[in-house]
Amino acid sequence: MAAAVRERGFARCTVADVAREAGASRRTFYAHFSDLDACYLALFEQFAERNLAAVAAAVGADGDPRERLEAAVGAYLEALERDPSLGASFFRELSLTGAAGRERLSAVNRRAGEAIHALALAVQAQEPELGVEAMSVASARLLVAGIVQMALFALDGDGELDEVRTEAAALLARVLFSSPR
């Protein structure tokens, strides 16, 4: 499925394309997936899990909180750099799978927001002198959505992922490490 999506995009993929790329029959395809959407969603789940694990590892690491934020943003953007056409497809075409795709995308956004929220809580407890504010999961999700959108713009040629990395890490640090109001 990944090879077919990279070549054609999900909207133009067929079961025959996926089967051909896999060196399998359509019958074998249907033995594993109910339809093309189910296969694409399984690919998204795999992509998202790998990326979220890298972000969670960066957030949960020891060390300076700002460096952990930078590493978390970097881990996410590095995944896009490794496979930009697949990442862009998920941004643009996951909605073609209907409610199931929207639910999965929302779940990924929620988990990313929860990771940032957890970092803020951990730093707040471990290093109270930093004055870290408890960021709500909802606020973190808004920031994540903005970072994702800017990454998509960069993939489309409007900016660079390195610039997104720098600006996203700086914004998250400003929000998390600003003095309490």
C-alpha atoms as a PDB file:
ATOM      1  CA  MET A   1       0.000   0.000   0.000  1.00  0.00           C
ATOM      2  CA  ALA A   2       2.802   2.409   0.878  1.00  0.00           C
ATOM      3  CA  ALA A   3       4.463   2.002  -2.525  1.00  0.00           C
ATOM      4  CA  ALA A   4       1.160   2.488  -4.355  1.00  0.00           C
ATOM      5  CA  VAL A   5       0.327   5.608  -2.324  1.00  0.00           C
ATOM      6  CA  ARG A   6       3.789   7.070  -2.906  1.00  0.00           C
ATOM      7  CA  GLU A   7       3.409   6.544  -6.629  1.00  0.00           C
ATOM      8  CA  ARG A   8      -0.245   7.458  -7.187  1.00  0.00           C
ATOM      9  CA  GLY A   9      -1.668   8.940  -4.016  1.00  0.00           C
ATOM     10  CA  PHE A  10      -4.459   7.184  -2.149  1.00  0.00           C
ATOM     11  CA  ALA A  11      -7.255   8.759  -4.203  1.00  0.00           C
ATOM     12  CA  ARG A  12      -5.978   7.067  -7.372  1.00  0.00           C
ATOM     13  CA  CYS A  13      -5.017   3.701  -5.809  1.00  0.00           C
ATOM     14  CA  THR A  14      -6.870   0.539  -6.594  1.00  0.00           C
ATOM     15  CA  VAL A  15      -6.808  -2.869  -4.972  1.00  0.00           C
ATOM     16  CA  ALA A  16      -5.099  -4.106  -8.131  1.00  0.00           C
ATOM     17  CA  ASP A  17      -2.322  -1.514  -7.640  1.00  0.00           C
ATOM     18  CA  VAL A  18      -1.743  -2.590  -4.043  1.00  0.00           C
ATOM     19  CA  ALA A  19      -1.813  -6.286  -4.898  1.00  0.00           C
ATOM     20  CA  ARG A  20       0.622  -5.743  -7.774  1.00  0.00           C
ATOM     21  CA  GLU A  21       3.033  -3.775  -5.549  1.00  0.00           C
ATOM     22  CA  ALA A  22       2.832  -6.521  -2.919  1.00  0.00           C
ATOM     23  CA  GLY A  23       3.313  -9.294  -5.461  1.00  0.00           C
ATOM     24  CA  ALA A  24       0.055 -10.808  -4.259  1.00  0.00           C
ATOM     25  CA  SER A  25      -3.350 -11.572  -5.676  1.00  0.00           C
ATOM     26  CA  ARG A  26      -6.532  -9.612  -5.075  1.00  0.00           C
ATOM     27  CA  ARG A  27      -7.792 -12.652  -3.215  1.00  0.00           C
ATOM     28  CA  THR A  28      -4.838 -12.410  -0.826  1.00  0.00           C
ATOM     29  CA  PHE A  29      -5.527  -8.708  -0.376  1.00  0.00           C
ATOM     30  CA  TYR A  30      -9.118  -9.403   0.611  1.00  0.00           C
ATOM     31  CA  ALA A  31      -8.007 -12.142   2.980  1.00  0.00           C
ATOM     32  CA  HIS A  32      -6.286  -9.411   5.023  1.00  0.00           C
ATOM     33  CA  PHE A  33      -8.382  -6.286   4.411  1.00  0.00           C
ATOM     34  CA  SER A  34     -12.072  -5.692   3.883  1.00  0.00           C
ATOM     35  CA  ASP A  35     -11.395  -2.911   1.397  1.00  0.00           C
ATOM     36  CA  LEU A  36      -8.854  -0.345   0.241  1.00  0.00           C
ATOM     37  CA  ASP A  37      -9.771   2.058   3.066  1.00  0.00           C
ATOM     38  CA  ALA A  38      -9.007  -0.597   5.694  1.00  0.00           C
ATOM     39  CA  CYS A  39      -5.577  -1.188   4.152  1.00  0.00           C
ATOM     40  CA  TYR A  40      -4.812   2.545   4.019  1.00  0.00           C
ATOM     41  CA  LEU A  41      -5.948   3.004   7.612  1.00  0.00           C
ATOM     42  CA  ALA A  42      -3.705   0.125   8.707  1.00  0.00           C
ATOM     43  CA  LEU A  43      -0.785   1.845   6.961  1.00  0.00           C
ATOM     44  CA  PHE A  44      -1.642   5.117   8.708  1.00  0.00           C
ATOM     45  CA  GLU A  45      -1.781   3.347  12.082  1.00  0.00           C
ATOM     46  CA  GLN A  46       1.693   1.892  11.507  1.00  0.00           C
ATOM     47  CA  PHE A  47       3.101   5.267  10.400  1.00  0.00           C
ATOM     48  CA  ALA A  48       1.469   7.115  13.307  1.00  0.00           C
ATOM     49  CA  GLU A  49       2.531   4.568  15.941  1.00  0.00           C
ATOM     50  CA  ARG A  50       6.157   4.746  14.867  1.00  0.00           C
ATOM     51  CA  ASN A  51       6.104   8.545  14.910  1.00  0.00           C
ATOM     52  CA  LEU A  52       4.286   8.818  18.237  1.00  0.00           C
ATOM     53  CA  ALA A  53       6.727   6.366  19.813  1.00  0.00           C
ATOM     54  CA  ALA A  54       9.645   8.547  18.683  1.00  0.00           C
ATOM     55  CA  VAL A  55       7.947  11.682  20.051  1.00  0.00           C
ATOM     56  CA  ALA A  56       7.117   9.963  23.352  1.00  0.00           C
ATOM     57  CA  ALA A  57      10.710   8.748  23.705  1.00  0.00           C
ATOM     58  CA  ALA A  58      12.008  12.286  23.203  1.00  0.00           C
ATOM     59  CA  VAL A  59       9.506  13.754  25.654  1.00  0.00           C
ATOM     60  CA  GLY A  60      10.213  11.065  28.245  1.00  0.00           C
ATOM     61  CA  ALA A  61      13.997  11.272  28.027  1.00  0.00           C
ATOM     62  CA  ASP A  62      16.163  12.773  30.714  1.00  0.00           C
ATOM     63  CA  GLY A  63      17.696  16.182  30.273  1.00  0.00           C
ATOM     64  CA  ASP A  64      16.824  19.782  29.702  1.00  0.00           C
ATOM     65  CA  PRO A  65      13.091  20.269  29.041  1.00  0.00           C
ATOM     66  CA  ARG A  66      13.731  22.643  26.128  1.00  0.00           C
ATOM     67  CA  GLU A  67      16.015  20.106  24.499  1.00  0.00           C
ATOM     68  CA  ARG A  68      13.365  17.427  25.007  1.00  0.00           C
ATOM     69  CA  LEU A  69      10.799  19.643  23.291  1.00  0.00           C
ATOM     70  CA  GLU A  70      13.163  20.229  20.381  1.00  0.00           C
ATOM     71  CA  ALA A  71      13.859  16.511  20.150  1.00  0.00           C
ATOM     72  CA  ALA A  72      10.132  15.718  20.166  1.00  0.00           C
ATOM     73  CA  VAL A  73       9.381  18.191  17.374  1.00  0.00           C
ATOM     74  CA  GLY A  74      12.456  16.958  15.522  1.00  0.00           C
ATOM     75  CA  ALA A  75      11.381  13.319  15.825  1.00  0.00           C
ATOM     76  CA  TYR A  76       8.029  14.109  14.259  1.00  0.00           C
ATOM     77  CA  LEU A  77       9.456  16.183  11.415  1.00  0.00           C
ATOM     78  CA  GLU A  78      12.219  13.657  10.735  1.00  0.00           C
ATOM     79  CA  ALA A  79       9.540  11.065  10.075  1.00  0.00           C
ATOM     80  CA  LEU A  80       8.071  13.384   7.453  1.00  0.00           C
ATOM     81  CA  GLU A  81      11.505  13.948   5.933  1.00  0.00           C
ATOM     82  CA  ARG A  82      12.060  10.187   5.659  1.00  0.00           C
ATOM     83  CA  ASP A  83       8.807   9.656   3.775  1.00  0.00           C
ATOM     84  CA  PRO A  84       7.369  13.001   2.649  1.00  0.00           C
ATOM     85  CA  SER A  85       4.965  11.656   0.027  1.00  0.00           C
ATOM     86  CA  LEU A  86       3.398   9.199   2.447  1.00  0.00           C
ATOM     87  CA  GLY A  87       3.141  11.790   5.227  1.00  0.00           C
ATOM     88  CA  ALA A  88       1.588  14.320   2.859  1.00  0.00           C
ATOM     89  CA  SER A  89      -0.888  11.715   1.664  1.00  0.00           C
ATOM     90  CA  PHE A  90      -2.107  11.176   5.210  1.00  0.00           C
ATOM     91  CA  PHE A  91      -2.587  14.921   5.710  1.00  0.00           C
ATOM     92  CA  ARG A  92      -4.461  15.337   2.463  1.00  0.00           C
ATOM     93  CA  GLU A  93      -6.225  12.054   1.862  1.00  0.00           C
ATOM     94  CA  LEU A  94      -7.032  10.412   5.191  1.00  0.00           C
ATOM     95  CA  SER A  95     -10.383  12.196   5.127  1.00  0.00           C
ATOM     96  CA  LEU A  96     -11.276  10.121   2.045  1.00  0.00           C
ATOM     97  CA  THR A  97     -11.774   7.194   4.411  1.00  0.00           C
ATOM     98  CA  GLY A  98     -14.610   9.052   6.123  1.00  0.00           C
ATOM     99  CA  ALA A  99     -15.313   8.980   9.833  1.00  0.00           C
ATOM    100  CA  ALA A 100     -12.784   6.205  10.493  1.00  0.00           C
ATOM    101  CA  GLY A 101      -9.938   8.333   9.130  1.00  0.00           C
ATOM    102  CA  ARG A 102     -11.052  11.457  10.971  1.00  0.00           C
ATOM    103  CA  GLU A 103     -11.284   9.493  14.215  1.00  0.00           C
ATOM    104  CA  ARG A 104      -7.786   8.082  13.793  1.00  0.00           C
ATOM    105  CA  LEU A 105      -6.319  11.479  12.939  1.00  0.00           C
ATOM    106  CA  SER A 106      -8.033  12.995  15.974  1.00  0.00           C
ATOM    107  CA  ALA A 107      -6.656  10.194  18.170  1.00  0.00           C
ATOM    108  CA  VAL A 108      -3.116  10.842  16.927  1.00  0.00           C
ATOM    109  CA  ASN A 109      -3.517  14.574  17.550  1.00  0.00           C
ATOM    110  CA  ARG A 110      -4.859  13.822  21.043  1.00  0.00           C
ATOM    111  CA  ARG A 111      -1.926  11.555  21.870  1.00  0.00           C
ATOM    112  CA  ALA A 112       0.569  14.169  20.675  1.00  0.00           C
ATOM    113  CA  GLY A 113      -1.202  16.801  22.785  1.00  0.00           C
ATOM    114  CA  GLU A 114      -1.159  14.464  25.771  1.00  0.00           C
ATOM    115  CA  ALA A 115       2.604  13.976  25.340  1.00  0.00           C
ATOM    116  CA  ILE A 116       3.206  17.733  25.491  1.00  0.00           C
ATOM    117  CA  HIS A 117       0.827  18.037  28.454  1.00  0.00           C
ATOM    118  CA  ALA A 118       2.688  15.215  30.243  1.00  0.00           C
ATOM    119  CA  LEU A 119       6.026  16.932  29.643  1.00  0.00           C
ATOM    120  CA  ALA A 120       4.676  20.153  31.142  1.00  0.00           C
ATOM    121  CA  LEU A 121       3.387  18.309  34.212  1.00  0.00           C
ATOM    122  CA  ALA A 122       6.654  16.411  34.667  1.00  0.00           C
ATOM    123  CA  VAL A 123       8.771  19.550  34.384  1.00  0.00           C
ATOM    124  CA  GLN A 124       6.386  21.418  36.679  1.00  0.00           C
ATOM    125  CA  ALA A 125       6.826  18.742  39.353  1.00  0.00           C
ATOM    126  CA  GLN A 126      10.553  18.075  38.876  1.00  0.00           C
ATOM    127  CA  GLU A 127      11.774  21.613  38.244  1.00  0.00           C
ATOM    128  CA  PRO A 128       9.332  24.086  39.828  1.00  0.00           C
ATOM    129  CA  GLU A 129      11.908  26.883  39.556  1.00  0.00           C
ATOM    130  CA  LEU A 130      11.323  26.948  35.791  1.00  0.00           C
ATOM    131  CA  GLY A 131       7.800  28.249  36.315  1.00  0.00           C
ATOM    132  CA  VAL A 132       6.259  25.893  33.789  1.00  0.00           C
ATOM    133  CA  GLU A 133       2.541  26.401  33.394  1.00  0.00           C
ATOM    134  CA  ALA A 134       0.256  23.405  33.197  1.00  0.00           C
ATOM    135  CA  MET A 135      -0.789  23.385  29.554  1.00  0.00           C
ATOM    136  CA  SER A 136      -4.128  21.759  28.919  1.00  0.00           C
ATOM    137  CA  VAL A 137      -4.329  18.883  26.479  1.00  0.00           C
ATOM    138  CA  ALA A 138      -6.689  21.007  24.367  1.00  0.00           C
ATOM    139  CA  SER A 139      -4.132  23.826  24.109  1.00  0.00           C
ATOM    140  CA  ALA A 140      -1.384  21.361  23.272  1.00  0.00           C
ATOM    141  CA  ARG A 141      -3.586  19.820  20.572  1.00  0.00           C
ATOM    142  CA  LEU A 142      -4.076  23.264  19.014  1.00  0.00           C
ATOM    143  CA  LEU A 143      -0.329  23.762  18.889  1.00  0.00           C
ATOM    144  CA  VAL A 144       0.193  20.288  17.416  1.00  0.00           C
ATOM    145  CA  ALA A 145      -2.395  20.981  14.711  1.00  0.00           C
ATOM    146  CA  GLY A 146      -0.593  24.184  13.788  1.00  0.00           C
ATOM    147  CA  ILE A 147       2.760  22.419  13.623  1.00  0.00           C
ATOM    148  CA  VAL A 148       1.254  19.727  11.407  1.00  0.00           C
ATOM    149  CA  GLN A 149      -0.237  22.329   9.069  1.00  0.00           C
ATOM    150  CA  MET A 150       3.053  24.234   8.804  1.00  0.00           C
ATOM    151  CA  ALA A 151       4.867  20.969   8.073  1.00  0.00           C
ATOM    152  CA  LEU A 152       2.408  20.306   5.243  1.00  0.00           C
ATOM    153  CA  PHE A 153       3.059  23.771   3.830  1.00  0.00           C
ATOM    154  CA  ALA A 154       6.798  23.055   3.968  1.00  0.00           C
ATOM    155  CA  LEU A 155       6.315  19.736   2.171  1.00  0.00           C
ATOM    156  CA  ASP A 156       4.434  21.670  -0.522  1.00  0.00           C
ATOM    157  CA  GLY A 157       7.414  23.990  -0.975  1.00  0.00           C
ATOM    158  CA  ASP A 158       6.229  26.900   1.178  1.00  0.00           C
ATOM    159  CA  GLY A 159       9.133  26.997   3.620  1.00  0.00           C
ATOM    160  CA  GLU A 160      11.526  24.402   4.978  1.00  0.00           C
ATOM    161  CA  LEU A 161      10.989  21.682   7.540  1.00  0.00           C
ATOM    162  CA  ASP A 162      14.081  22.938   9.400  1.00  0.00           C
ATOM    163  CA  GLU A 163      12.364  26.311   9.796  1.00  0.00           C
ATOM    164  CA  VAL A 164       9.207  24.581  11.064  1.00  0.00           C
ATOM    165  CA  ARG A 165      11.357  22.611  13.523  1.00  0.00           C
ATOM    166  CA  THR A 166      13.025  25.749  14.868  1.00  0.00           C
ATOM    167  CA  GLU A 167       9.854  27.834  15.078  1.00  0.00           C
ATOM    168  CA  ALA A 168       7.710  25.034  16.544  1.00  0.00           C
ATOM    169  CA  ALA A 169      10.229  24.249  19.274  1.00  0.00           C
ATOM    170  CA  ALA A 170      10.595  27.956  20.079  1.00  0.00           C
ATOM    171  CA  LEU A 171       6.826  28.458  20.235  1.00  0.00           C
ATOM    172  CA  LEU A 172       6.306  25.433  22.477  1.00  0.00           C
ATOM    173  CA  ALA A 173       9.104  26.619  24.759  1.00  0.00           C
ATOM    174  CA  ARG A 174       7.614  30.122  24.960  1.00  0.00           C
ATOM    175  CA  VAL A 175       4.207  28.737  25.813  1.00  0.00           C
ATOM    176  CA  LEU A 176       5.435  26.202  28.343  1.00  0.00           C
ATOM    177  CA  PHE A 177       8.231  28.146  29.963  1.00  0.00           C
ATOM    178  CA  SER A 178       6.715  31.598  30.131  1.00  0.00           C
ATOM    179  CA  SER A 179       6.256  33.122  33.552  1.00  0.00           C
ATOM    180  CA  PRO A 180       2.896  32.424  35.157  1.00  0.00           C
ATOM    181  CA  ARG A 181       0.480  35.255  34.535  1.00  0.00           C
END
